[in-house]
Amino acid sequence: MKVMPTPIADVLIVEPKLFGDSRGFFFESFNQAAFNAATGTNLSFVQDNHSRSAKGVLRGLHYQLGQPQGKLVRVVRGAAYDVAVDIRPASPTFGSWFGLELNEHDHRQLWVPPGLAHGFLVLSDSADFLYKTTDYYAPALERSIAWNDPTLSIDWPLQGSPVLSAKDAAAQAFKDAQF
C-alpha cells in the first residue's frame, strides 16, 4: 500500500496495491499489520459500517466526544466527496479541513484519525460507502457540525442544496461545538 500525507497532520490517503488484468482486479482492502506499519499507528478496528446514499446526500460532519472514532473510509460503488475537519483544539491545523473524491475506480481510502469530524457528499447516482472504526458508535456521544459552517468554508462540489437528515440539518456552528 502507498500512504500519502495531507495538509492535516495524521490524515492520510491510502492507496492499495491493485492487481488487474482482462478478468478484473484484486486488492487487499485491509491488513492490520500493513496499515499500522504504513501509518505509524498501533490501532485496532472494532466496527465495520456500510452506508448507501443517493446523489446529493450529505452526511456529516460527525464526531464523538469522549469516545472518538478513527475511521478508514472508502467508496466501493459510485463516488463521494469525503471531508475531514480537524477539531483537535491543540492541533496547529485546528479548524482546517481536507477533502477529496473517493470512488470505485481508484480504490483510494482516507484515514481520518480519532479527534476529527467527518462527512461526505454523494456525487454519483448512488454510492456505497464502507468504513472501519477504532471505537464503537455511541449515539449519546455523537455530535454534528453544520456542513455549511462559514468559519470552515468547506468547498463542497454541490449542484443545488444537499439532502440532509434532520440531525444534520440541526447541526451546530463550529464556534458553538463541543470539543
N, C-alpha and C. Protein backbone atom coordinates (compact mmCIF):
# COMPACT_ATOMS: atom_id res chain seq x y z
N MET A 1 0.84 -1.18 0.00
CA MET A 1 0.00 0.00 0.00
C MET A 1 0.88 1.24 0.00
N LYS A 2 0.33 2.29 -0.57
CA LYS A 2 1.02 3.57 -0.61
C LYS A 2 0.24 4.54 0.28
N VAL A 3 0.95 5.26 1.14
CA VAL A 3 0.31 6.21 2.05
C VAL A 3 0.85 7.60 1.75
N MET A 4 -0.07 8.55 1.58
CA MET A 4 0.32 9.93 1.25
C MET A 4 -0.23 10.88 2.30
N PRO A 5 0.59 11.84 2.73
CA PRO A 5 0.12 12.82 3.72
C PRO A 5 -0.84 13.82 3.10
N THR A 6 -1.57 14.51 3.95
CA THR A 6 -2.45 15.59 3.55
C THR A 6 -2.03 16.84 4.33
N PRO A 7 -2.62 17.99 4.08
CA PRO A 7 -2.25 19.19 4.84
C PRO A 7 -2.59 19.11 6.34
N ILE A 8 -3.44 18.16 6.73
CA ILE A 8 -3.78 17.99 8.14
C ILE A 8 -2.99 16.82 8.70
N ALA A 9 -2.23 17.08 9.76
CA ALA A 9 -1.41 16.05 10.38
C ALA A 9 -2.25 14.81 10.72
N ASP A 10 -1.73 13.66 10.38
CA ASP A 10 -2.31 12.35 10.68
C ASP A 10 -3.46 11.94 9.76
N VAL A 11 -4.00 12.84 8.96
CA VAL A 11 -4.99 12.46 7.95
C VAL A 11 -4.21 11.98 6.73
N LEU A 12 -4.50 10.76 6.29
CA LEU A 12 -3.68 10.14 5.25
C LEU A 12 -4.54 9.55 4.14
N ILE A 13 -4.03 9.65 2.91
CA ILE A 13 -4.64 8.97 1.77
C ILE A 13 -3.94 7.63 1.64
N VAL A 14 -4.72 6.57 1.55
CA VAL A 14 -4.19 5.22 1.46
C VAL A 14 -4.57 4.64 0.11
N GLU A 15 -3.57 4.25 -0.66
CA GLU A 15 -3.81 3.61 -1.97
C GLU A 15 -3.36 2.16 -1.90
N PRO A 16 -4.29 1.23 -2.10
CA PRO A 16 -3.90 -0.17 -2.08
C PRO A 16 -3.16 -0.56 -3.36
N LYS A 17 -2.40 -1.62 -3.27
CA LYS A 17 -1.74 -2.16 -4.45
C LYS A 17 -2.77 -2.99 -5.20
N LEU A 18 -3.04 -2.60 -6.45
CA LEU A 18 -4.09 -3.21 -7.26
C LEU A 18 -3.47 -4.15 -8.27
N PHE A 19 -4.02 -5.34 -8.38
CA PHE A 19 -3.60 -6.32 -9.38
C PHE A 19 -4.77 -6.55 -10.32
N GLY A 20 -4.59 -6.20 -11.59
CA GLY A 20 -5.70 -6.32 -12.52
C GLY A 20 -5.26 -6.83 -13.88
N ASP A 21 -6.20 -7.42 -14.56
CA ASP A 21 -6.00 -7.85 -15.94
C ASP A 21 -7.37 -7.90 -16.61
N SER A 22 -7.47 -8.55 -17.76
CA SER A 22 -8.72 -8.57 -18.51
C SER A 22 -9.86 -9.26 -17.75
N ARG A 23 -9.54 -10.04 -16.75
CA ARG A 23 -10.57 -10.75 -15.97
C ARG A 23 -11.19 -9.89 -14.89
N GLY A 24 -10.46 -8.83 -14.48
CA GLY A 24 -10.93 -8.00 -13.38
C GLY A 24 -9.76 -7.54 -12.53
N PHE A 25 -9.96 -7.43 -11.22
CA PHE A 25 -8.89 -6.98 -10.35
C PHE A 25 -8.98 -7.66 -8.99
N PHE A 26 -7.89 -7.53 -8.25
CA PHE A 26 -7.81 -7.98 -6.87
C PHE A 26 -6.98 -6.96 -6.11
N PHE A 27 -7.38 -6.67 -4.89
CA PHE A 27 -6.52 -5.92 -3.98
C PHE A 27 -6.90 -6.26 -2.55
N GLU A 28 -5.93 -6.16 -1.69
CA GLU A 28 -6.15 -6.36 -0.26
C GLU A 28 -6.66 -5.04 0.28
N SER A 29 -7.93 -4.99 0.67
CA SER A 29 -8.51 -3.73 1.11
C SER A 29 -8.09 -3.35 2.52
N PHE A 30 -7.69 -4.34 3.32
CA PHE A 30 -7.20 -4.03 4.66
C PHE A 30 -6.34 -5.16 5.19
N ASN A 31 -5.25 -4.77 5.82
CA ASN A 31 -4.35 -5.68 6.52
C ASN A 31 -3.86 -4.91 7.74
N GLN A 32 -4.21 -5.36 8.93
CA GLN A 32 -3.91 -4.61 10.16
C GLN A 32 -2.42 -4.32 10.30
N ALA A 33 -1.57 -5.33 10.11
CA ALA A 33 -0.12 -5.14 10.28
C ALA A 33 0.42 -4.15 9.25
N ALA A 34 0.00 -4.29 8.00
CA ALA A 34 0.48 -3.39 6.95
C ALA A 34 -0.02 -1.96 7.19
N PHE A 35 -1.28 -1.82 7.63
CA PHE A 35 -1.83 -0.49 7.92
C PHE A 35 -1.05 0.18 9.04
N ASN A 36 -0.83 -0.54 10.14
CA ASN A 36 -0.10 0.04 11.27
C ASN A 36 1.32 0.43 10.86
N ALA A 37 1.98 -0.41 10.09
CA ALA A 37 3.35 -0.11 9.65
C ALA A 37 3.37 1.11 8.73
N ALA A 38 2.44 1.18 7.80
CA ALA A 38 2.43 2.27 6.82
C ALA A 38 2.01 3.61 7.42
N THR A 39 1.16 3.57 8.45
CA THR A 39 0.65 4.82 9.03
C THR A 39 1.36 5.20 10.32
N GLY A 40 2.19 4.31 10.84
CA GLY A 40 2.87 4.60 12.10
C GLY A 40 1.95 4.58 13.30
N THR A 41 0.83 3.88 13.18
CA THR A 41 -0.13 3.80 14.28
C THR A 41 -0.08 2.39 14.88
N ASN A 42 -0.73 2.24 15.99
CA ASN A 42 -0.89 0.93 16.60
C ASN A 42 -2.34 0.81 17.06
N LEU A 43 -3.22 0.87 16.07
CA LEU A 43 -4.66 0.90 16.35
C LEU A 43 -5.31 -0.40 15.90
N SER A 44 -6.42 -0.70 16.54
CA SER A 44 -7.26 -1.81 16.11
C SER A 44 -8.62 -1.26 15.72
N PHE A 45 -9.25 -1.93 14.80
CA PHE A 45 -10.60 -1.54 14.37
C PHE A 45 -11.60 -2.49 15.01
N VAL A 46 -12.73 -1.93 15.48
CA VAL A 46 -13.71 -2.71 16.22
C VAL A 46 -15.06 -2.81 15.54
N GLN A 47 -15.27 -2.02 14.48
CA GLN A 47 -16.58 -1.99 13.84
C GLN A 47 -16.42 -1.65 12.37
N ASP A 48 -17.17 -2.33 11.51
CA ASP A 48 -17.24 -2.01 10.09
C ASP A 48 -18.66 -1.53 9.79
N ASN A 49 -18.76 -0.46 8.99
CA ASN A 49 -20.05 0.11 8.63
C ASN A 49 -20.17 0.22 7.12
N HIS A 50 -21.39 0.13 6.63
CA HIS A 50 -21.68 0.23 5.20
C HIS A 50 -22.92 1.10 5.06
N SER A 51 -22.78 2.18 4.30
CA SER A 51 -23.97 3.01 4.03
C SER A 51 -24.14 3.16 2.53
N ARG A 52 -25.37 3.27 2.10
CA ARG A 52 -25.70 3.55 0.70
C ARG A 52 -26.53 4.83 0.71
N SER A 53 -26.16 5.75 -0.15
CA SER A 53 -26.85 7.02 -0.21
C SER A 53 -27.05 7.43 -1.65
N ALA A 54 -28.10 8.21 -1.88
CA ALA A 54 -28.42 8.71 -3.22
C ALA A 54 -27.63 9.98 -3.52
N LYS A 55 -27.61 10.34 -4.79
CA LYS A 55 -26.91 11.54 -5.24
C LYS A 55 -27.40 12.77 -4.46
N GLY A 56 -26.45 13.59 -4.04
CA GLY A 56 -26.78 14.81 -3.34
C GLY A 56 -26.93 14.67 -1.84
N VAL A 57 -26.90 13.43 -1.33
CA VAL A 57 -26.98 13.23 0.12
C VAL A 57 -25.66 13.68 0.74
N LEU A 58 -25.75 14.48 1.78
CA LEU A 58 -24.58 14.91 2.53
C LEU A 58 -24.74 14.42 3.95
N ARG A 59 -23.78 13.63 4.40
CA ARG A 59 -23.79 13.09 5.77
C ARG A 59 -22.63 13.72 6.53
N GLY A 60 -22.92 14.31 7.67
CA GLY A 60 -21.85 14.88 8.47
C GLY A 60 -22.09 16.36 8.72
N LEU A 61 -21.21 16.88 9.42
CA LEU A 61 -19.87 16.50 9.86
C LEU A 61 -20.00 15.88 11.26
N HIS A 62 -19.71 14.60 11.40
CA HIS A 62 -19.95 13.86 12.63
C HIS A 62 -18.66 13.60 13.40
N TYR A 63 -18.80 13.53 14.72
CA TYR A 63 -17.71 13.12 15.61
C TYR A 63 -18.32 12.70 16.93
N GLN A 64 -17.52 12.07 17.79
CA GLN A 64 -17.98 11.64 19.10
C GLN A 64 -17.10 12.24 20.18
N LEU A 65 -17.71 12.69 21.26
CA LEU A 65 -16.99 13.19 22.43
C LEU A 65 -16.64 12.03 23.35
N GLY A 66 -15.47 12.06 23.95
CA GLY A 66 -15.11 11.08 24.96
C GLY A 66 -14.81 9.69 24.44
N GLN A 67 -15.28 9.38 23.30
CA GLN A 67 -15.07 8.06 22.68
C GLN A 67 -14.86 8.30 21.19
N PRO A 68 -13.80 9.05 20.84
CA PRO A 68 -13.61 9.41 19.43
C PRO A 68 -13.32 8.20 18.57
N GLN A 69 -13.82 8.25 17.35
CA GLN A 69 -13.62 7.16 16.40
C GLN A 69 -12.64 7.59 15.32
N GLY A 70 -11.60 6.78 15.14
CA GLY A 70 -10.81 6.90 13.93
C GLY A 70 -11.56 6.15 12.85
N LYS A 71 -11.50 6.63 11.60
CA LYS A 71 -12.25 5.98 10.52
C LYS A 71 -11.34 5.79 9.31
N LEU A 72 -11.36 4.58 8.77
CA LEU A 72 -10.72 4.29 7.49
C LEU A 72 -11.86 4.12 6.50
N VAL A 73 -11.99 5.07 5.58
CA VAL A 73 -13.17 5.16 4.73
C VAL A 73 -12.84 4.90 3.27
N ARG A 74 -13.82 4.32 2.55
CA ARG A 74 -13.66 4.10 1.11
C ARG A 74 -15.04 3.98 0.46
N VAL A 75 -15.07 4.23 -0.83
CA VAL A 75 -16.30 4.08 -1.61
C VAL A 75 -16.10 2.87 -2.52
N VAL A 76 -17.02 1.91 -2.44
CA VAL A 76 -16.90 0.68 -3.24
C VAL A 76 -17.82 0.69 -4.46
N ARG A 77 -18.79 1.60 -4.47
CA ARG A 77 -19.65 1.76 -5.64
C ARG A 77 -20.03 3.23 -5.72
N GLY A 78 -19.77 3.83 -6.88
CA GLY A 78 -20.10 5.23 -7.07
C GLY A 78 -18.95 6.14 -6.69
N ALA A 79 -19.30 7.37 -6.30
CA ALA A 79 -18.29 8.37 -5.96
C ALA A 79 -18.85 9.31 -4.90
N ALA A 80 -17.97 9.76 -4.02
CA ALA A 80 -18.35 10.70 -2.97
C ALA A 80 -17.20 11.66 -2.71
N TYR A 81 -17.54 12.86 -2.29
CA TYR A 81 -16.54 13.83 -1.85
C TYR A 81 -16.45 13.69 -0.34
N ASP A 82 -15.28 13.29 0.15
CA ASP A 82 -15.08 12.97 1.55
C ASP A 82 -14.30 14.10 2.23
N VAL A 83 -14.72 14.47 3.44
CA VAL A 83 -14.12 15.60 4.14
C VAL A 83 -13.78 15.24 5.59
N ALA A 84 -12.58 15.64 6.00
CA ALA A 84 -12.15 15.53 7.40
C ALA A 84 -11.88 16.95 7.91
N VAL A 85 -12.35 17.23 9.12
CA VAL A 85 -12.15 18.54 9.75
C VAL A 85 -11.39 18.34 11.06
N ASP A 86 -10.31 19.07 11.22
CA ASP A 86 -9.51 18.97 12.44
C ASP A 86 -10.20 19.74 13.57
N ILE A 87 -10.68 18.99 14.56
CA ILE A 87 -11.34 19.61 15.71
C ILE A 87 -10.54 19.37 16.98
N ARG A 88 -9.25 19.10 16.84
CA ARG A 88 -8.36 18.92 17.99
C ARG A 88 -7.86 20.30 18.41
N PRO A 89 -8.34 20.86 19.53
CA PRO A 89 -8.00 22.23 19.92
C PRO A 89 -6.50 22.53 19.98
N ALA A 90 -5.68 21.55 20.34
CA ALA A 90 -4.23 21.78 20.45
C ALA A 90 -3.49 21.61 19.13
N SER A 91 -4.20 21.24 18.09
CA SER A 91 -3.56 20.99 16.79
C SER A 91 -3.26 22.30 16.06
N PRO A 92 -2.11 22.37 15.39
CA PRO A 92 -1.81 23.58 14.60
C PRO A 92 -2.76 23.76 13.42
N THR A 93 -3.49 22.71 13.04
CA THR A 93 -4.44 22.83 11.93
C THR A 93 -5.89 22.80 12.42
N PHE A 94 -6.10 23.13 13.71
CA PHE A 94 -7.45 23.17 14.28
C PHE A 94 -8.34 24.07 13.41
N GLY A 95 -9.50 23.55 13.03
CA GLY A 95 -10.44 24.31 12.20
C GLY A 95 -10.19 24.19 10.71
N SER A 96 -9.14 23.45 10.32
CA SER A 96 -8.86 23.23 8.89
C SER A 96 -9.58 21.99 8.41
N TRP A 97 -9.83 21.95 7.10
CA TRP A 97 -10.48 20.79 6.51
C TRP A 97 -9.68 20.30 5.32
N PHE A 98 -9.88 19.03 5.00
CA PHE A 98 -9.29 18.42 3.81
C PHE A 98 -10.36 17.58 3.15
N GLY A 99 -10.48 17.69 1.84
CA GLY A 99 -11.46 16.91 1.11
C GLY A 99 -10.88 16.32 -0.15
N LEU A 100 -11.40 15.16 -0.54
CA LEU A 100 -11.02 14.54 -1.80
C LEU A 100 -12.13 13.62 -2.26
N GLU A 101 -12.12 13.32 -3.56
CA GLU A 101 -13.08 12.37 -4.09
C GLU A 101 -12.59 10.96 -3.84
N LEU A 102 -13.48 10.13 -3.32
CA LEU A 102 -13.26 8.69 -3.21
C LEU A 102 -14.23 8.03 -4.17
N ASN A 103 -13.74 7.04 -4.92
CA ASN A 103 -14.63 6.40 -5.90
C ASN A 103 -14.26 4.94 -6.10
N GLU A 104 -15.11 4.24 -6.84
CA GLU A 104 -14.92 2.82 -7.08
C GLU A 104 -13.80 2.51 -8.07
N HIS A 105 -13.28 3.51 -8.74
CA HIS A 105 -12.29 3.26 -9.79
C HIS A 105 -10.85 3.28 -9.29
N ASP A 106 -10.50 4.22 -8.41
CA ASP A 106 -9.10 4.28 -7.97
C ASP A 106 -8.88 3.59 -6.62
N HIS A 107 -9.97 3.23 -5.92
CA HIS A 107 -9.91 2.44 -4.69
C HIS A 107 -9.17 3.12 -3.54
N ARG A 108 -8.95 4.43 -3.64
CA ARG A 108 -8.28 5.13 -2.54
C ARG A 108 -9.14 5.09 -1.29
N GLN A 109 -8.47 5.19 -0.16
CA GLN A 109 -9.12 5.26 1.13
C GLN A 109 -8.59 6.49 1.85
N LEU A 110 -9.36 6.97 2.82
CA LEU A 110 -8.91 8.09 3.64
C LEU A 110 -8.89 7.64 5.09
N TRP A 111 -7.74 7.86 5.75
CA TRP A 111 -7.63 7.59 7.17
C TRP A 111 -7.92 8.91 7.90
N VAL A 112 -9.00 8.89 8.69
CA VAL A 112 -9.42 10.03 9.49
C VAL A 112 -9.20 9.62 10.94
N PRO A 113 -8.14 10.13 11.58
CA PRO A 113 -7.82 9.68 12.93
C PRO A 113 -8.83 10.13 13.96
N PRO A 114 -8.80 9.51 15.15
CA PRO A 114 -9.68 9.97 16.23
C PRO A 114 -9.44 11.45 16.51
N GLY A 115 -10.52 12.16 16.79
CA GLY A 115 -10.40 13.57 17.11
C GLY A 115 -10.70 14.49 15.95
N LEU A 116 -11.18 13.95 14.85
CA LEU A 116 -11.58 14.77 13.71
C LEU A 116 -13.05 14.55 13.40
N ALA A 117 -13.67 15.54 12.81
CA ALA A 117 -15.05 15.39 12.33
C ALA A 117 -14.98 14.89 10.89
N HIS A 118 -16.02 14.19 10.47
CA HIS A 118 -16.02 13.57 9.15
C HIS A 118 -17.38 13.71 8.49
N GLY A 119 -17.36 13.88 7.18
CA GLY A 119 -18.59 13.93 6.41
C GLY A 119 -18.33 13.62 4.95
N PHE A 120 -19.40 13.37 4.20
CA PHE A 120 -19.24 13.13 2.77
C PHE A 120 -20.50 13.52 2.01
N LEU A 121 -20.29 13.83 0.73
CA LEU A 121 -21.34 14.20 -0.20
C LEU A 121 -21.32 13.21 -1.36
N VAL A 122 -22.46 12.61 -1.68
CA VAL A 122 -22.53 11.64 -2.78
C VAL A 122 -22.59 12.39 -4.11
N LEU A 123 -21.66 12.03 -5.01
CA LEU A 123 -21.54 12.68 -6.31
C LEU A 123 -22.19 11.88 -7.43
N SER A 124 -22.25 10.57 -7.30
CA SER A 124 -22.82 9.70 -8.33
C SER A 124 -24.31 9.46 -8.04
N ASP A 125 -24.99 8.73 -8.92
CA ASP A 125 -26.42 8.46 -8.70
C ASP A 125 -26.68 7.84 -7.34
N SER A 126 -25.79 6.99 -6.90
CA SER A 126 -25.79 6.46 -5.54
C SER A 126 -24.36 6.04 -5.23
N ALA A 127 -24.08 5.83 -3.96
CA ALA A 127 -22.74 5.40 -3.56
C ALA A 127 -22.83 4.49 -2.35
N ASP A 128 -21.99 3.47 -2.37
CA ASP A 128 -21.83 2.59 -1.22
C ASP A 128 -20.52 2.98 -0.55
N PHE A 129 -20.62 3.32 0.71
CA PHE A 129 -19.52 3.86 1.49
C PHE A 129 -19.21 2.87 2.61
N LEU A 130 -17.97 2.41 2.71
CA LEU A 130 -17.56 1.48 3.76
C LEU A 130 -16.55 2.18 4.66
N TYR A 131 -16.70 1.94 5.96
CA TYR A 131 -15.68 2.48 6.86
C TYR A 131 -15.51 1.62 8.09
N LYS A 132 -14.25 1.50 8.47
CA LYS A 132 -13.85 0.80 9.68
C LYS A 132 -13.67 1.85 10.76
N THR A 133 -14.03 1.53 12.01
CA THR A 133 -13.86 2.49 13.09
C THR A 133 -13.03 1.88 14.22
N THR A 134 -12.32 2.77 14.92
CA THR A 134 -11.46 2.34 16.02
C THR A 134 -12.20 2.28 17.36
N ASP A 135 -13.43 2.77 17.40
CA ASP A 135 -14.24 2.66 18.60
C ASP A 135 -15.69 2.49 18.17
N TYR A 136 -16.51 2.06 19.10
CA TYR A 136 -17.90 1.77 18.80
C TYR A 136 -18.74 3.04 18.68
N TYR A 137 -19.78 2.95 17.90
CA TYR A 137 -20.72 4.05 17.77
C TYR A 137 -21.44 4.26 19.09
N ALA A 138 -21.46 5.48 19.56
CA ALA A 138 -22.11 5.82 20.83
C ALA A 138 -23.04 7.01 20.58
N PRO A 139 -24.31 6.75 20.28
CA PRO A 139 -25.24 7.82 19.91
C PRO A 139 -25.30 8.98 20.91
N ALA A 140 -25.20 8.68 22.21
CA ALA A 140 -25.26 9.74 23.21
C ALA A 140 -24.05 10.68 23.16
N LEU A 141 -22.96 10.21 22.57
CA LEU A 141 -21.73 11.00 22.50
C LEU A 141 -21.53 11.65 21.13
N GLU A 142 -22.40 11.33 20.18
CA GLU A 142 -22.24 11.86 18.82
C GLU A 142 -22.64 13.33 18.77
N ARG A 143 -21.87 14.08 17.99
CA ARG A 143 -22.15 15.49 17.76
C ARG A 143 -22.02 15.76 16.27
N SER A 144 -22.60 16.88 15.81
CA SER A 144 -22.51 17.26 14.41
C SER A 144 -22.20 18.75 14.29
N ILE A 145 -21.36 19.06 13.34
CA ILE A 145 -21.06 20.45 12.98
C ILE A 145 -21.74 20.71 11.64
N ALA A 146 -22.30 21.88 11.50
CA ALA A 146 -23.02 22.24 10.27
C ALA A 146 -22.11 22.11 9.05
N TRP A 147 -22.60 21.44 8.04
CA TRP A 147 -21.84 21.19 6.81
C TRP A 147 -21.46 22.50 6.11
N ASN A 148 -22.28 23.54 6.29
CA ASN A 148 -22.08 24.81 5.59
C ASN A 148 -21.60 25.91 6.54
N ASP A 149 -20.91 25.53 7.59
CA ASP A 149 -20.43 26.49 8.57
C ASP A 149 -19.52 27.52 7.90
N PRO A 150 -19.79 28.82 8.07
CA PRO A 150 -18.97 29.84 7.40
C PRO A 150 -17.53 29.91 7.92
N THR A 151 -17.31 29.51 9.17
CA THR A 151 -15.94 29.51 9.70
C THR A 151 -15.08 28.49 8.97
N LEU A 152 -15.65 27.33 8.68
CA LEU A 152 -14.91 26.27 8.00
C LEU A 152 -14.81 26.53 6.50
N SER A 153 -15.86 27.07 5.90
CA SER A 153 -15.91 27.37 4.46
C SER A 153 -15.49 26.17 3.60
N ILE A 154 -16.09 25.03 3.85
CA ILE A 154 -15.78 23.83 3.07
C ILE A 154 -16.31 24.02 1.65
N ASP A 155 -15.48 23.73 0.68
CA ASP A 155 -15.83 23.89 -0.73
C ASP A 155 -16.44 22.58 -1.26
N TRP A 156 -17.67 22.31 -0.84
CA TRP A 156 -18.37 21.11 -1.30
C TRP A 156 -18.69 21.25 -2.79
N PRO A 157 -18.50 20.21 -3.59
CA PRO A 157 -18.84 20.28 -5.01
C PRO A 157 -20.34 20.06 -5.23
N LEU A 158 -21.12 21.00 -4.78
CA LEU A 158 -22.58 20.89 -4.79
C LEU A 158 -23.19 21.48 -6.05
N GLN A 159 -24.28 20.87 -6.47
CA GLN A 159 -25.14 21.43 -7.50
C GLN A 159 -26.52 21.53 -6.86
N GLY A 160 -26.84 22.70 -6.34
CA GLY A 160 -28.09 22.87 -5.60
C GLY A 160 -27.87 22.61 -4.12
N SER A 161 -28.95 22.34 -3.43
CA SER A 161 -28.89 22.08 -1.99
C SER A 161 -28.71 20.60 -1.74
N PRO A 162 -27.97 20.24 -0.68
CA PRO A 162 -27.80 18.83 -0.36
C PRO A 162 -29.03 18.24 0.31
N VAL A 163 -29.13 16.93 0.30
CA VAL A 163 -30.18 16.22 1.02
C VAL A 163 -29.58 15.86 2.38
N LEU A 164 -30.23 16.36 3.45
CA LEU A 164 -29.71 16.19 4.81
C LEU A 164 -30.69 15.43 5.69
N SER A 165 -30.16 14.73 6.69
CA SER A 165 -31.01 14.16 7.72
C SER A 165 -31.46 15.30 8.64
N ALA A 166 -32.48 15.07 9.44
CA ALA A 166 -32.92 16.08 10.40
C ALA A 166 -31.79 16.43 11.36
N LYS A 167 -31.04 15.42 11.78
CA LYS A 167 -29.92 15.64 12.70
C LYS A 167 -28.87 16.55 12.07
N ASP A 168 -28.52 16.31 10.81
CA ASP A 168 -27.50 17.12 10.15
C ASP A 168 -28.01 18.51 9.82
N ALA A 169 -29.30 18.65 9.55
CA ALA A 169 -29.88 19.97 9.30
C ALA A 169 -29.86 20.83 10.55
N ALA A 170 -29.87 20.20 11.73
CA ALA A 170 -29.87 20.93 13.01
C ALA A 170 -28.48 21.00 13.64
N ALA A 171 -27.44 20.65 12.91
CA ALA A 171 -26.08 20.63 13.46
C ALA A 171 -25.64 22.01 13.93
N GLN A 172 -24.71 22.02 14.88
CA GLN A 172 -24.22 23.27 15.47
C GLN A 172 -23.19 23.96 14.59
N ALA A 173 -23.05 25.24 14.83
CA ALA A 173 -21.97 26.00 14.21
C ALA A 173 -20.66 25.57 14.84
N PHE A 174 -19.59 25.68 14.08
CA PHE A 174 -18.26 25.30 14.57
C PHE A 174 -17.92 26.06 15.84
N LYS A 175 -18.22 27.33 15.90
CA LYS A 175 -17.87 28.16 17.07
C LYS A 175 -18.62 27.72 18.33
N ASP A 176 -19.75 27.03 18.18
CA ASP A 176 -20.55 26.58 19.32
C ASP A 176 -20.35 25.11 19.65
N ALA A 177 -19.57 24.40 18.86
CA ALA A 177 -19.41 22.96 19.04
C ALA A 177 -18.57 22.64 20.26
N GLN A 178 -18.89 21.50 20.86
CA GLN A 178 -18.11 20.98 21.99
C GLN A 178 -16.95 20.16 21.44
N PHE A 179 -15.77 20.38 21.98
CA PHE A 179 -14.62 19.58 21.58
C PHE A 179 -14.04 18.95 22.83
